[in-house]
Amino acid sequence: MSDCSATVLPFALKDRWIVTVESERHFVKVRHRTRWYAVARRMGHEERRHWCASRADALVIAGWQREAFERLAWAEQFKAQYDRLPAARQAEVDAYLESLGGQE
């Protein structure tokens, strides 16, 4: 992500979030400046735009967004699988997860 010349392609997670890095020109104090944004879009949701100080910062933030949305998708998948389990199996999973939490 530190390579500023890298091409930024849209990232789509199973028709969920699309993360891109975009620039926007605007006129400030008699000269044009470019603002960089890390943008996340999802149908039916408000667009998440993060104004960044530079293109490099936008690339890093877009990477963080991608990772967060991947983790969110995994959590949703886990929750769906957990909800399909019978109550006895859910109790076993809960006990196992509790045992993992005590290993810190």
N, C-alpha and C. Protein backbone atom coordinates (compact mmCIF):
# COMPACT_ATOMS: atom_id res chain seq x y z
N MET A 1 0.81 -1.20 0.00
CA MET A 1 0.00 0.00 0.00
C MET A 1 0.85 1.27 0.00
N SER A 2 2.13 1.15 0.27
CA SER A 2 2.96 2.34 0.34
C SER A 2 3.34 2.85 -1.05
N ASP A 3 3.11 2.04 -2.10
CA ASP A 3 3.44 2.46 -3.45
C ASP A 3 2.36 3.40 -3.97
N CYS A 4 2.68 4.68 -4.08
CA CYS A 4 1.69 5.68 -4.49
C CYS A 4 1.33 5.58 -5.95
N SER A 5 2.15 4.91 -6.77
CA SER A 5 1.86 4.82 -8.19
C SER A 5 0.98 3.62 -8.51
N ALA A 6 0.59 2.85 -7.51
CA ALA A 6 -0.24 1.67 -7.75
C ALA A 6 -1.62 2.09 -8.26
N THR A 7 -2.14 1.31 -9.18
CA THR A 7 -3.48 1.56 -9.69
C THR A 7 -4.49 1.07 -8.68
N VAL A 8 -5.47 1.90 -8.38
CA VAL A 8 -6.49 1.53 -7.41
C VAL A 8 -7.72 1.06 -8.16
N LEU A 9 -8.06 -0.19 -7.96
CA LEU A 9 -9.23 -0.76 -8.59
C LEU A 9 -10.36 -0.87 -7.59
N PRO A 10 -11.58 -0.75 -8.05
CA PRO A 10 -12.70 -0.93 -7.13
C PRO A 10 -12.67 -2.32 -6.51
N PHE A 11 -13.07 -2.41 -5.29
CA PHE A 11 -13.08 -3.67 -4.56
C PHE A 11 -14.53 -3.97 -4.21
N ALA A 12 -15.06 -5.08 -4.69
CA ALA A 12 -16.45 -5.44 -4.40
C ALA A 12 -16.46 -6.73 -3.60
N LEU A 13 -17.26 -6.77 -2.55
CA LEU A 13 -17.36 -7.94 -1.70
C LEU A 13 -18.76 -8.52 -1.86
N LYS A 14 -18.92 -9.44 -2.80
CA LYS A 14 -20.18 -10.12 -3.04
C LYS A 14 -21.36 -9.15 -3.12
N ASP A 15 -21.25 -8.17 -4.00
CA ASP A 15 -22.30 -7.18 -4.20
C ASP A 15 -22.61 -6.40 -2.93
N ARG A 16 -21.65 -6.28 -2.05
CA ARG A 16 -21.88 -5.52 -0.83
C ARG A 16 -21.19 -4.18 -0.93
N TRP A 17 -20.06 -4.02 -0.28
CA TRP A 17 -19.37 -2.73 -0.30
C TRP A 17 -18.42 -2.65 -1.49
N ILE A 18 -18.35 -1.49 -2.09
CA ILE A 18 -17.37 -1.20 -3.14
C ILE A 18 -16.49 -0.09 -2.59
N VAL A 19 -15.19 -0.34 -2.53
CA VAL A 19 -14.23 0.63 -1.97
C VAL A 19 -13.35 1.13 -3.10
N THR A 20 -13.24 2.44 -3.21
CA THR A 20 -12.38 3.04 -4.23
C THR A 20 -11.61 4.21 -3.63
N VAL A 21 -10.61 4.65 -4.35
CA VAL A 21 -9.90 5.89 -4.01
C VAL A 21 -10.18 6.86 -5.14
N GLU A 22 -10.65 8.04 -4.79
CA GLU A 22 -11.04 9.03 -5.79
C GLU A 22 -10.38 10.36 -5.49
N SER A 23 -10.22 11.15 -6.55
CA SER A 23 -9.71 12.51 -6.39
C SER A 23 -10.76 13.49 -6.86
N GLU A 24 -10.69 14.69 -6.33
CA GLU A 24 -11.66 15.72 -6.68
C GLU A 24 -10.92 17.04 -6.76
N ARG A 25 -11.06 17.73 -7.89
CA ARG A 25 -10.40 19.03 -8.05
C ARG A 25 -11.33 20.12 -7.54
N HIS A 26 -10.77 21.08 -6.85
CA HIS A 26 -11.56 22.23 -6.41
C HIS A 26 -10.68 23.47 -6.38
N PHE A 27 -11.32 24.60 -6.45
CA PHE A 27 -10.63 25.87 -6.56
C PHE A 27 -10.46 26.50 -5.19
N VAL A 28 -9.20 26.70 -4.78
CA VAL A 28 -8.92 27.29 -3.47
C VAL A 28 -7.83 28.33 -3.63
N LYS A 29 -8.11 29.56 -3.20
CA LYS A 29 -7.13 30.65 -3.18
C LYS A 29 -6.39 30.79 -4.53
N VAL A 30 -7.13 30.93 -5.58
CA VAL A 30 -6.63 31.20 -6.92
C VAL A 30 -5.83 30.04 -7.52
N ARG A 31 -5.90 28.86 -6.96
CA ARG A 31 -5.25 27.72 -7.60
C ARG A 31 -6.05 26.45 -7.35
N HIS A 32 -5.88 25.53 -8.25
CA HIS A 32 -6.60 24.27 -8.12
C HIS A 32 -5.84 23.33 -7.19
N ARG A 33 -6.59 22.62 -6.39
CA ARG A 33 -6.01 21.60 -5.53
C ARG A 33 -6.77 20.31 -5.75
N THR A 34 -6.14 19.23 -5.42
CA THR A 34 -6.79 17.94 -5.53
C THR A 34 -7.01 17.39 -4.13
N ARG A 35 -8.24 17.01 -3.85
CA ARG A 35 -8.55 16.33 -2.60
C ARG A 35 -8.69 14.85 -2.90
N TRP A 36 -8.17 14.04 -2.01
CA TRP A 36 -8.26 12.59 -2.16
C TRP A 36 -9.25 12.04 -1.15
N TYR A 37 -10.00 11.06 -1.59
CA TYR A 37 -11.01 10.42 -0.74
C TYR A 37 -10.89 8.91 -0.83
N ALA A 38 -11.11 8.26 0.29
CA ALA A 38 -11.35 6.81 0.30
C ALA A 38 -12.87 6.69 0.42
N VAL A 39 -13.48 6.03 -0.56
CA VAL A 39 -14.94 6.01 -0.65
C VAL A 39 -15.44 4.57 -0.59
N ALA A 40 -16.45 4.36 0.24
CA ALA A 40 -17.11 3.06 0.33
C ALA A 40 -18.58 3.26 -0.02
N ARG A 41 -19.07 2.45 -0.96
CA ARG A 41 -20.46 2.57 -1.39
C ARG A 41 -21.15 1.23 -1.24
N ARG A 42 -22.44 1.28 -0.93
CA ARG A 42 -23.26 0.09 -0.86
C ARG A 42 -24.69 0.47 -1.25
N MET A 43 -25.30 -0.34 -2.06
CA MET A 43 -26.68 -0.06 -2.46
C MET A 43 -27.56 0.02 -1.22
N GLY A 44 -28.34 1.10 -1.13
CA GLY A 44 -29.26 1.26 -0.01
C GLY A 44 -28.63 1.82 1.25
N HIS A 45 -27.34 2.14 1.24
CA HIS A 45 -26.67 2.70 2.40
C HIS A 45 -26.07 4.04 2.04
N GLU A 46 -25.85 4.84 3.06
CA GLU A 46 -25.21 6.14 2.86
C GLU A 46 -23.75 5.92 2.46
N GLU A 47 -23.28 6.72 1.51
CA GLU A 47 -21.89 6.63 1.05
C GLU A 47 -20.96 7.07 2.18
N ARG A 48 -19.89 6.34 2.36
CA ARG A 48 -18.88 6.71 3.36
C ARG A 48 -17.68 7.29 2.65
N ARG A 49 -17.49 8.61 2.79
CA ARG A 49 -16.35 9.30 2.18
C ARG A 49 -15.41 9.76 3.29
N HIS A 50 -14.14 9.43 3.15
CA HIS A 50 -13.13 9.84 4.11
C HIS A 50 -12.14 10.75 3.39
N TRP A 51 -12.14 12.03 3.74
CA TRP A 51 -11.22 12.98 3.15
C TRP A 51 -9.83 12.71 3.69
N CYS A 52 -8.87 12.56 2.81
CA CYS A 52 -7.51 12.19 3.19
C CYS A 52 -6.53 13.30 2.81
N ALA A 53 -5.42 13.34 3.49
CA ALA A 53 -4.43 14.39 3.25
C ALA A 53 -3.69 14.18 1.93
N SER A 54 -3.57 12.92 1.50
CA SER A 54 -2.83 12.63 0.28
C SER A 54 -3.36 11.35 -0.35
N ARG A 55 -2.89 11.06 -1.55
CA ARG A 55 -3.29 9.82 -2.22
C ARG A 55 -2.79 8.61 -1.43
N ALA A 56 -1.59 8.71 -0.88
CA ALA A 56 -1.04 7.60 -0.10
C ALA A 56 -1.92 7.30 1.11
N ASP A 57 -2.37 8.35 1.79
CA ASP A 57 -3.27 8.16 2.93
C ASP A 57 -4.58 7.51 2.48
N ALA A 58 -5.11 7.95 1.34
CA ALA A 58 -6.36 7.39 0.83
C ALA A 58 -6.19 5.91 0.52
N LEU A 59 -5.05 5.52 -0.03
CA LEU A 59 -4.79 4.10 -0.32
C LEU A 59 -4.77 3.27 0.96
N VAL A 60 -4.13 3.81 1.99
CA VAL A 60 -4.06 3.08 3.26
C VAL A 60 -5.45 2.94 3.88
N ILE A 61 -6.21 4.02 3.89
CA ILE A 61 -7.55 3.98 4.47
C ILE A 61 -8.46 3.05 3.68
N ALA A 62 -8.34 3.06 2.35
CA ALA A 62 -9.13 2.13 1.53
C ALA A 62 -8.77 0.68 1.88
N GLY A 63 -7.49 0.43 2.12
CA GLY A 63 -7.08 -0.92 2.53
C GLY A 63 -7.71 -1.32 3.85
N TRP A 64 -7.72 -0.38 4.79
CA TRP A 64 -8.36 -0.66 6.09
C TRP A 64 -9.84 -0.95 5.92
N GLN A 65 -10.50 -0.17 5.05
CA GLN A 65 -11.92 -0.38 4.81
C GLN A 65 -12.16 -1.77 4.22
N ARG A 66 -11.33 -2.16 3.25
CA ARG A 66 -11.48 -3.48 2.63
C ARG A 66 -11.36 -4.58 3.68
N GLU A 67 -10.33 -4.48 4.52
CA GLU A 67 -10.14 -5.49 5.57
C GLU A 67 -11.32 -5.52 6.53
N ALA A 68 -11.82 -4.36 6.91
CA ALA A 68 -12.95 -4.30 7.85
C ALA A 68 -14.20 -4.92 7.23
N PHE A 69 -14.45 -4.64 5.95
CA PHE A 69 -15.64 -5.20 5.32
C PHE A 69 -15.50 -6.71 5.12
N GLU A 70 -14.28 -7.20 4.88
CA GLU A 70 -14.07 -8.65 4.80
C GLU A 70 -14.36 -9.30 6.15
N ARG A 71 -13.88 -8.68 7.24
CA ARG A 71 -14.15 -9.22 8.57
C ARG A 71 -15.64 -9.17 8.90
N LEU A 72 -16.30 -8.10 8.48
CA LEU A 72 -17.74 -7.98 8.70
C LEU A 72 -18.50 -9.07 7.96
N ALA A 73 -18.11 -9.35 6.72
CA ALA A 73 -18.75 -10.41 5.94
C ALA A 73 -18.53 -11.76 6.60
N TRP A 74 -17.32 -12.01 7.12
CA TRP A 74 -17.04 -13.26 7.81
C TRP A 74 -17.91 -13.38 9.07
N ALA A 75 -18.05 -12.29 9.81
CA ALA A 75 -18.86 -12.32 11.02
C ALA A 75 -20.34 -12.59 10.68
N GLU A 76 -20.83 -11.99 9.60
CA GLU A 76 -22.21 -12.24 9.18
C GLU A 76 -22.40 -13.70 8.78
N GLN A 77 -21.42 -14.26 8.09
CA GLN A 77 -21.50 -15.67 7.68
C GLN A 77 -21.47 -16.58 8.91
N PHE A 78 -20.59 -16.28 9.87
CA PHE A 78 -20.51 -17.07 11.09
C PHE A 78 -21.83 -17.01 11.86
N LYS A 79 -22.40 -15.82 11.97
CA LYS A 79 -23.66 -15.64 12.69
C LYS A 79 -24.79 -16.44 12.02
N ALA A 80 -24.83 -16.43 10.68
CA ALA A 80 -25.86 -17.17 9.96
C ALA A 80 -25.71 -18.67 10.21
N GLN A 81 -24.47 -19.17 10.20
CA GLN A 81 -24.23 -20.60 10.48
C GLN A 81 -24.58 -20.93 11.92
N TYR A 82 -24.23 -20.06 12.84
CA TYR A 82 -24.52 -20.27 14.26
C TYR A 82 -26.03 -20.32 14.50
N ASP A 83 -26.77 -19.43 13.85
CA ASP A 83 -28.22 -19.39 14.03
C ASP A 83 -28.92 -20.64 13.50
N ARG A 84 -28.29 -21.33 12.53
CA ARG A 84 -28.88 -22.55 11.99
C ARG A 84 -28.65 -23.77 12.88
N LEU A 85 -27.74 -23.67 13.85
CA LEU A 85 -27.43 -24.80 14.72
C LEU A 85 -28.56 -25.04 15.72
N PRO A 86 -28.75 -26.30 16.14
CA PRO A 86 -29.69 -26.55 17.24
C PRO A 86 -29.15 -25.97 18.55
N ALA A 87 -30.02 -25.79 19.52
CA ALA A 87 -29.64 -25.15 20.78
C ALA A 87 -28.50 -25.88 21.49
N ALA A 88 -28.49 -27.22 21.44
CA ALA A 88 -27.43 -27.99 22.10
C ALA A 88 -26.07 -27.71 21.47
N ARG A 89 -26.02 -27.62 20.13
CA ARG A 89 -24.76 -27.32 19.44
C ARG A 89 -24.32 -25.88 19.70
N GLN A 90 -25.30 -24.96 19.79
CA GLN A 90 -24.96 -23.57 20.10
C GLN A 90 -24.31 -23.48 21.47
N ALA A 91 -24.78 -24.27 22.43
CA ALA A 91 -24.19 -24.28 23.77
C ALA A 91 -22.75 -24.78 23.71
N GLU A 92 -22.49 -25.81 22.88
CA GLU A 92 -21.12 -26.31 22.72
C GLU A 92 -20.21 -25.24 22.11
N VAL A 93 -20.71 -24.56 21.10
CA VAL A 93 -19.92 -23.49 20.45
C VAL A 93 -19.66 -22.36 21.45
N ASP A 94 -20.68 -21.99 22.22
CA ASP A 94 -20.50 -20.94 23.23
C ASP A 94 -19.44 -21.33 24.25
N ALA A 95 -19.47 -22.59 24.70
CA ALA A 95 -18.48 -23.06 25.68
C ALA A 95 -17.08 -23.03 25.08
N TYR A 96 -16.96 -23.45 23.81
CA TYR A 96 -15.66 -23.44 23.15
C TYR A 96 -15.13 -22.01 23.01
N LEU A 97 -15.99 -21.09 22.57
CA LEU A 97 -15.56 -19.70 22.43
C LEU A 97 -15.19 -19.09 23.78
N GLU A 98 -15.91 -19.47 24.82
CA GLU A 98 -15.59 -18.98 26.17
C GLU A 98 -14.22 -19.49 26.60
N SER A 99 -13.91 -20.75 26.26
CA SER A 99 -12.59 -21.30 26.64
C SER A 99 -11.48 -20.59 25.89
N LEU A 100 -11.74 -20.17 24.66
CA LEU A 100 -10.73 -19.42 23.89
C LEU A 100 -10.49 -18.04 24.50
N GLY A 101 -11.54 -17.43 25.03
CA GLY A 101 -11.42 -16.10 25.62
C GLY A 101 -10.58 -16.09 26.88
N GLY A 102 -10.52 -17.21 27.60
CA GLY A 102 -9.76 -17.29 28.85
C GLY A 102 -8.29 -17.56 28.66
N GLN A 103 -7.82 -17.69 27.41
CA GLN A 103 -6.42 -18.02 27.15
C GLN A 103 -5.50 -16.82 27.08
N GLU A 104 -6.00 -15.64 27.32
CA GLU A 104 -5.18 -14.43 27.20
C GLU A 104 -4.14 -14.32 28.21
